[in-house]
Amino acid sequence: MEGLEEISFEIISHSGQEKAEIMEAVTCSKSDAKDPEPLLKDAKEELKQAQNLHLKVLADFAKTGNNKIDPLYMHAEDQMITAESFLDFATELIKTNQELVKLRQEVAKKQ
């Protein structure tokens, strides 16, 4: 596939940016100083872009019958899959953190 290397780097880039956005969202969720939702939204958009590129490659493989996989592309897929899992885990962690913040605030009000 022509351009596979470039697409692989784009997938890696979007996946890495997604993970960075998520880490910042998790950090924000530890207090109520900054809303993590915009960061999660940005992370999901980054992941969507990586997934769209991935689908483009898969469609090209199906269309051309090319079955040779480039190691860089395999790495890109791995990064994207890790980013997908990271998003799922972090979303639950953020919910838990937000609940803890609320509980701490309620306890502080009672004291």
N, C-alpha and C. Protein backbone atom coordinates (compact mmCIF):
# COMPACT_ATOMS: atom_id res chain seq x y z
N MET A 1 0.84 -1.19 0.00
CA MET A 1 0.00 0.00 0.00
C MET A 1 0.88 1.24 0.00
N GLU A 2 0.57 2.12 -0.89
CA GLU A 2 1.30 3.38 -0.96
C GLU A 2 0.87 4.29 0.18
N GLY A 3 1.84 4.89 0.85
CA GLY A 3 1.52 5.79 1.94
C GLY A 3 1.26 5.11 3.27
N LEU A 4 1.50 3.81 3.36
CA LEU A 4 1.23 3.09 4.60
C LEU A 4 2.08 3.60 5.75
N GLU A 5 3.32 3.93 5.45
CA GLU A 5 4.19 4.45 6.51
C GLU A 5 3.63 5.76 7.08
N GLU A 6 3.22 6.66 6.19
CA GLU A 6 2.67 7.94 6.63
C GLU A 6 1.39 7.74 7.45
N ILE A 7 0.51 6.86 6.97
CA ILE A 7 -0.73 6.59 7.70
C ILE A 7 -0.42 5.96 9.05
N SER A 8 0.57 5.08 9.10
CA SER A 8 0.96 4.46 10.37
C SER A 8 1.40 5.51 11.38
N PHE A 9 2.21 6.45 10.93
CA PHE A 9 2.66 7.52 11.82
C PHE A 9 1.49 8.40 12.28
N GLU A 10 0.53 8.62 11.38
CA GLU A 10 -0.65 9.41 11.77
C GLU A 10 -1.46 8.67 12.84
N ILE A 11 -1.64 7.39 12.68
CA ILE A 11 -2.37 6.59 13.68
C ILE A 11 -1.65 6.66 15.02
N ILE A 12 -0.33 6.51 14.99
CA ILE A 12 0.47 6.58 16.21
C ILE A 12 0.33 7.96 16.85
N SER A 13 0.38 8.99 16.04
CA SER A 13 0.27 10.36 16.55
C SER A 13 -1.09 10.61 17.21
N HIS A 14 -2.17 10.24 16.53
CA HIS A 14 -3.51 10.44 17.08
C HIS A 14 -3.70 9.62 18.36
N SER A 15 -3.19 8.40 18.36
CA SER A 15 -3.31 7.54 19.54
C SER A 15 -2.54 8.13 20.72
N GLY A 16 -1.36 8.64 20.46
CA GLY A 16 -0.56 9.26 21.52
C GLY A 16 -1.21 10.52 22.06
N GLN A 17 -1.77 11.33 21.18
CA GLN A 17 -2.46 12.54 21.61
C GLN A 17 -3.69 12.19 22.44
N GLU A 18 -4.39 11.14 22.04
CA GLU A 18 -5.56 10.69 22.78
C GLU A 18 -5.16 10.31 24.21
N LYS A 19 -4.07 9.57 24.34
CA LYS A 19 -3.61 9.16 25.67
C LYS A 19 -3.21 10.37 26.51
N ALA A 20 -2.58 11.35 25.91
CA ALA A 20 -2.18 12.56 26.64
C ALA A 20 -3.41 13.33 27.13
N GLU A 21 -4.44 13.44 26.28
CA GLU A 21 -5.68 14.12 26.67
C GLU A 21 -6.34 13.38 27.83
N ILE A 22 -6.33 12.07 27.77
CA ILE A 22 -6.94 11.27 28.83
C ILE A 22 -6.20 11.45 30.14
N MET A 23 -4.89 11.42 30.11
CA MET A 23 -4.13 11.59 31.35
C MET A 23 -4.43 12.95 31.98
N GLU A 24 -4.55 13.97 31.17
CA GLU A 24 -4.88 15.29 31.70
C GLU A 24 -6.30 15.30 32.27
N ALA A 25 -7.22 14.60 31.61
CA ALA A 25 -8.60 14.51 32.11
C ALA A 25 -8.65 13.78 33.45
N VAL A 26 -7.88 12.72 33.57
CA VAL A 26 -7.84 11.98 34.84
C VAL A 26 -7.29 12.88 35.94
N THR A 27 -6.24 13.62 35.65
CA THR A 27 -5.67 14.55 36.63
C THR A 27 -6.70 15.59 37.03
N CYS A 28 -7.43 16.13 36.08
CA CYS A 28 -8.45 17.14 36.37
C CYS A 28 -9.57 16.57 37.22
N SER A 29 -9.86 15.30 37.06
CA SER A 29 -10.98 14.70 37.78
C SER A 29 -10.70 14.50 39.27
N LYS A 30 -9.47 14.71 39.68
CA LYS A 30 -9.11 14.55 41.09
C LYS A 30 -9.56 15.74 41.94
N SER A 31 -9.98 16.80 41.27
CA SER A 31 -10.54 17.97 41.97
C SER A 31 -11.62 18.55 41.08
N ASP A 32 -12.30 19.54 41.59
CA ASP A 32 -13.34 20.16 40.76
C ASP A 32 -12.86 21.48 40.15
N ALA A 33 -11.54 21.66 40.09
CA ALA A 33 -10.98 22.90 39.56
C ALA A 33 -11.17 23.03 38.05
N LYS A 34 -11.13 21.90 37.34
CA LYS A 34 -11.26 21.95 35.88
C LYS A 34 -12.10 20.75 35.42
N ASP A 35 -13.02 21.00 34.53
CA ASP A 35 -13.90 19.96 34.01
C ASP A 35 -13.14 19.04 33.05
N PRO A 36 -13.12 17.73 33.30
CA PRO A 36 -12.41 16.81 32.42
C PRO A 36 -13.16 16.48 31.12
N GLU A 37 -14.43 16.83 31.05
CA GLU A 37 -15.24 16.44 29.89
C GLU A 37 -14.73 16.97 28.55
N PRO A 38 -14.32 18.24 28.46
CA PRO A 38 -13.78 18.70 27.16
C PRO A 38 -12.53 17.92 26.73
N LEU A 39 -11.72 17.53 27.72
CA LEU A 39 -10.53 16.74 27.40
C LEU A 39 -10.91 15.35 26.91
N LEU A 40 -11.92 14.76 27.54
CA LEU A 40 -12.40 13.45 27.08
C LEU A 40 -12.97 13.54 25.67
N LYS A 41 -13.68 14.63 25.40
CA LYS A 41 -14.24 14.84 24.06
C LYS A 41 -13.12 14.93 23.03
N ASP A 42 -12.07 15.68 23.35
CA ASP A 42 -10.92 15.80 22.45
C ASP A 42 -10.24 14.44 22.26
N ALA A 43 -10.12 13.69 23.35
CA ALA A 43 -9.49 12.37 23.28
C ALA A 43 -10.28 11.45 22.36
N LYS A 44 -11.60 11.48 22.48
CA LYS A 44 -12.44 10.64 21.64
C LYS A 44 -12.31 11.03 20.17
N GLU A 45 -12.17 12.32 19.90
CA GLU A 45 -11.99 12.78 18.52
C GLU A 45 -10.65 12.28 17.95
N GLU A 46 -9.61 12.35 18.76
CA GLU A 46 -8.30 11.84 18.32
C GLU A 46 -8.40 10.35 18.00
N LEU A 47 -9.06 9.61 18.88
CA LEU A 47 -9.21 8.17 18.66
C LEU A 47 -10.03 7.89 17.40
N LYS A 48 -11.06 8.68 17.19
CA LYS A 48 -11.90 8.52 15.99
C LYS A 48 -11.06 8.72 14.73
N GLN A 49 -10.19 9.71 14.74
CA GLN A 49 -9.33 9.95 13.57
C GLN A 49 -8.40 8.76 13.34
N ALA A 50 -7.83 8.21 14.42
CA ALA A 50 -6.97 7.03 14.28
C ALA A 50 -7.76 5.85 13.73
N GLN A 51 -8.97 5.66 14.23
CA GLN A 51 -9.80 4.55 13.76
C GLN A 51 -10.18 4.71 12.30
N ASN A 52 -10.47 5.92 11.88
CA ASN A 52 -10.80 6.16 10.46
C ASN A 52 -9.62 5.82 9.56
N LEU A 53 -8.43 6.20 9.97
CA LEU A 53 -7.24 5.86 9.18
C LEU A 53 -7.04 4.34 9.15
N HIS A 54 -7.26 3.70 10.27
CA HIS A 54 -7.14 2.25 10.35
C HIS A 54 -8.12 1.57 9.39
N LEU A 55 -9.36 2.05 9.37
CA LEU A 55 -10.36 1.49 8.47
C LEU A 55 -9.97 1.70 7.00
N LYS A 56 -9.36 2.84 6.72
CA LYS A 56 -8.90 3.11 5.35
C LYS A 56 -7.87 2.07 4.93
N VAL A 57 -6.95 1.74 5.81
CA VAL A 57 -5.93 0.74 5.50
C VAL A 57 -6.57 -0.63 5.31
N LEU A 58 -7.48 -0.99 6.21
CA LEU A 58 -8.15 -2.30 6.09
C LEU A 58 -8.94 -2.41 4.79
N ALA A 59 -9.60 -1.34 4.42
CA ALA A 59 -10.37 -1.34 3.17
C ALA A 59 -9.44 -1.51 1.97
N ASP A 60 -8.28 -0.85 2.03
CA ASP A 60 -7.32 -0.98 0.94
C ASP A 60 -6.76 -2.39 0.87
N PHE A 61 -6.49 -2.98 2.03
CA PHE A 61 -6.02 -4.38 2.04
C PHE A 61 -7.06 -5.30 1.41
N ALA A 62 -8.32 -5.10 1.75
CA ALA A 62 -9.39 -5.93 1.20
C ALA A 62 -9.54 -5.72 -0.30
N LYS A 63 -9.40 -4.49 -0.73
CA LYS A 63 -9.59 -4.13 -2.14
C LYS A 63 -8.46 -4.69 -3.02
N THR A 64 -7.23 -4.56 -2.52
CA THR A 64 -6.08 -4.96 -3.33
C THR A 64 -5.66 -6.40 -3.12
N GLY A 65 -6.10 -7.01 -2.02
CA GLY A 65 -5.67 -8.37 -1.73
C GLY A 65 -4.27 -8.43 -1.17
N ASN A 66 -3.68 -7.28 -0.89
CA ASN A 66 -2.33 -7.23 -0.33
C ASN A 66 -2.38 -7.78 1.10
N ASN A 67 -1.59 -8.80 1.37
CA ASN A 67 -1.60 -9.39 2.69
C ASN A 67 -0.27 -9.21 3.43
N LYS A 68 0.58 -8.35 2.90
CA LYS A 68 1.85 -8.08 3.56
C LYS A 68 1.65 -6.96 4.57
N ILE A 69 1.96 -7.25 5.81
CA ILE A 69 1.79 -6.28 6.87
C ILE A 69 3.15 -5.69 7.24
N ASP A 70 3.18 -4.40 7.31
CA ASP A 70 4.38 -3.67 7.68
C ASP A 70 4.51 -3.64 9.20
N PRO A 71 5.71 -3.88 9.75
CA PRO A 71 5.88 -3.83 11.21
C PRO A 71 5.48 -2.47 11.82
N LEU A 72 5.71 -1.39 11.12
CA LEU A 72 5.32 -0.07 11.62
C LEU A 72 3.80 0.02 11.73
N TYR A 73 3.10 -0.53 10.75
CA TYR A 73 1.64 -0.53 10.80
C TYR A 73 1.15 -1.39 11.96
N MET A 74 1.81 -2.51 12.21
CA MET A 74 1.45 -3.35 13.35
C MET A 74 1.61 -2.57 14.66
N HIS A 75 2.67 -1.80 14.75
CA HIS A 75 2.90 -0.95 15.93
C HIS A 75 1.78 0.10 16.04
N ALA A 76 1.41 0.68 14.92
CA ALA A 76 0.34 1.69 14.92
C ALA A 76 -0.97 1.08 15.42
N GLU A 77 -1.28 -0.12 14.93
CA GLU A 77 -2.49 -0.80 15.40
C GLU A 77 -2.43 -1.05 16.91
N ASP A 78 -1.28 -1.48 17.37
CA ASP A 78 -1.11 -1.74 18.80
C ASP A 78 -1.33 -0.47 19.62
N GLN A 79 -0.80 0.64 19.15
CA GLN A 79 -0.98 1.92 19.86
C GLN A 79 -2.45 2.33 19.88
N MET A 80 -3.14 2.12 18.77
CA MET A 80 -4.54 2.49 18.69
C MET A 80 -5.38 1.60 19.62
N ILE A 81 -5.13 0.31 19.62
CA ILE A 81 -5.88 -0.61 20.48
C ILE A 81 -5.64 -0.28 21.95
N THR A 82 -4.40 0.04 22.29
CA THR A 82 -4.08 0.43 23.66
C THR A 82 -4.82 1.71 24.03
N ALA A 83 -4.88 2.65 23.11
CA ALA A 83 -5.58 3.91 23.35
C ALA A 83 -7.07 3.67 23.57
N GLU A 84 -7.66 2.74 22.82
CA GLU A 84 -9.08 2.42 23.00
C GLU A 84 -9.33 1.87 24.41
N SER A 85 -8.49 0.96 24.83
CA SER A 85 -8.63 0.38 26.17
C SER A 85 -8.40 1.43 27.25
N PHE A 86 -7.41 2.27 27.01
CA PHE A 86 -7.07 3.34 27.95
C PHE A 86 -8.25 4.27 28.15
N LEU A 87 -8.95 4.59 27.08
CA LEU A 87 -10.12 5.47 27.15
C LEU A 87 -11.21 4.84 28.00
N ASP A 88 -11.47 3.57 27.79
CA ASP A 88 -12.51 2.89 28.56
C ASP A 88 -12.17 2.89 30.05
N PHE A 89 -10.95 2.53 30.37
CA PHE A 89 -10.53 2.48 31.77
C PHE A 89 -10.55 3.88 32.41
N ALA A 90 -10.01 4.84 31.71
CA ALA A 90 -9.92 6.20 32.25
C ALA A 90 -11.30 6.82 32.46
N THR A 91 -12.24 6.52 31.59
CA THR A 91 -13.59 7.05 31.74
C THR A 91 -14.20 6.59 33.06
N GLU A 92 -14.01 5.33 33.39
CA GLU A 92 -14.51 4.82 34.67
C GLU A 92 -13.75 5.42 35.85
N LEU A 93 -12.46 5.58 35.70
CA LEU A 93 -11.65 6.18 36.76
C LEU A 93 -12.08 7.63 37.03
N ILE A 94 -12.37 8.35 35.97
CA ILE A 94 -12.81 9.75 36.11
C ILE A 94 -14.14 9.81 36.86
N LYS A 95 -15.06 8.93 36.53
CA LYS A 95 -16.34 8.89 37.26
C LYS A 95 -16.10 8.64 38.74
N THR A 96 -15.24 7.70 39.05
CA THR A 96 -14.93 7.39 40.45
C THR A 96 -14.28 8.59 41.13
N ASN A 97 -13.33 9.22 40.47
CA ASN A 97 -12.68 10.40 41.04
C ASN A 97 -13.70 11.51 41.31
N GLN A 98 -14.61 11.73 40.39
CA GLN A 98 -15.61 12.77 40.56
C GLN A 98 -16.53 12.47 41.75
N GLU A 99 -16.87 11.21 41.92
CA GLU A 99 -17.68 10.83 43.07
C GLU A 99 -16.92 11.06 44.37
N LEU A 100 -15.64 10.75 44.38
CA LEU A 100 -14.82 10.98 45.58
C LEU A 100 -14.73 12.47 45.91
N VAL A 101 -14.57 13.30 44.90
CA VAL A 101 -14.52 14.74 45.12
C VAL A 101 -15.82 15.21 45.77
N LYS A 102 -16.96 14.76 45.26
CA LYS A 102 -18.25 15.14 45.83
C LYS A 102 -18.37 14.68 47.28
N LEU A 103 -17.96 13.45 47.55
CA LEU A 103 -18.02 12.95 48.92
C LEU A 103 -17.14 13.75 49.86
N ARG A 104 -15.94 14.09 49.41
CA ARG A 104 -15.04 14.90 50.22
C ARG A 104 -15.65 16.27 50.52
N GLN A 105 -16.30 16.85 49.53
CA GLN A 105 -16.93 18.15 49.72
C GLN A 105 -18.09 18.06 50.73
N GLU A 106 -18.86 16.99 50.65
CA GLU A 106 -19.96 16.79 51.60
C GLU A 106 -19.43 16.61 53.01
N VAL A 107 -18.37 15.85 53.16
CA VAL A 107 -17.77 15.64 54.48
C VAL A 107 -17.22 16.95 55.02
N ALA A 108 -16.58 17.73 54.16
CA ALA A 108 -16.02 19.01 54.59
C ALA A 108 -17.12 19.98 55.04
N LYS A 109 -18.27 19.95 54.38
CA LYS A 109 -19.38 20.83 54.76
C LYS A 109 -19.94 20.45 56.13
N LYS A 110 -19.93 19.17 56.45
CA LYS A 110 -20.47 18.69 57.72
C LYS A 110 -19.54 18.99 58.89
N GLN A 111 -18.30 19.24 58.59
CA GLN A 111 -17.33 19.49 59.69
C GLN A 111 -17.33 20.89 60.12
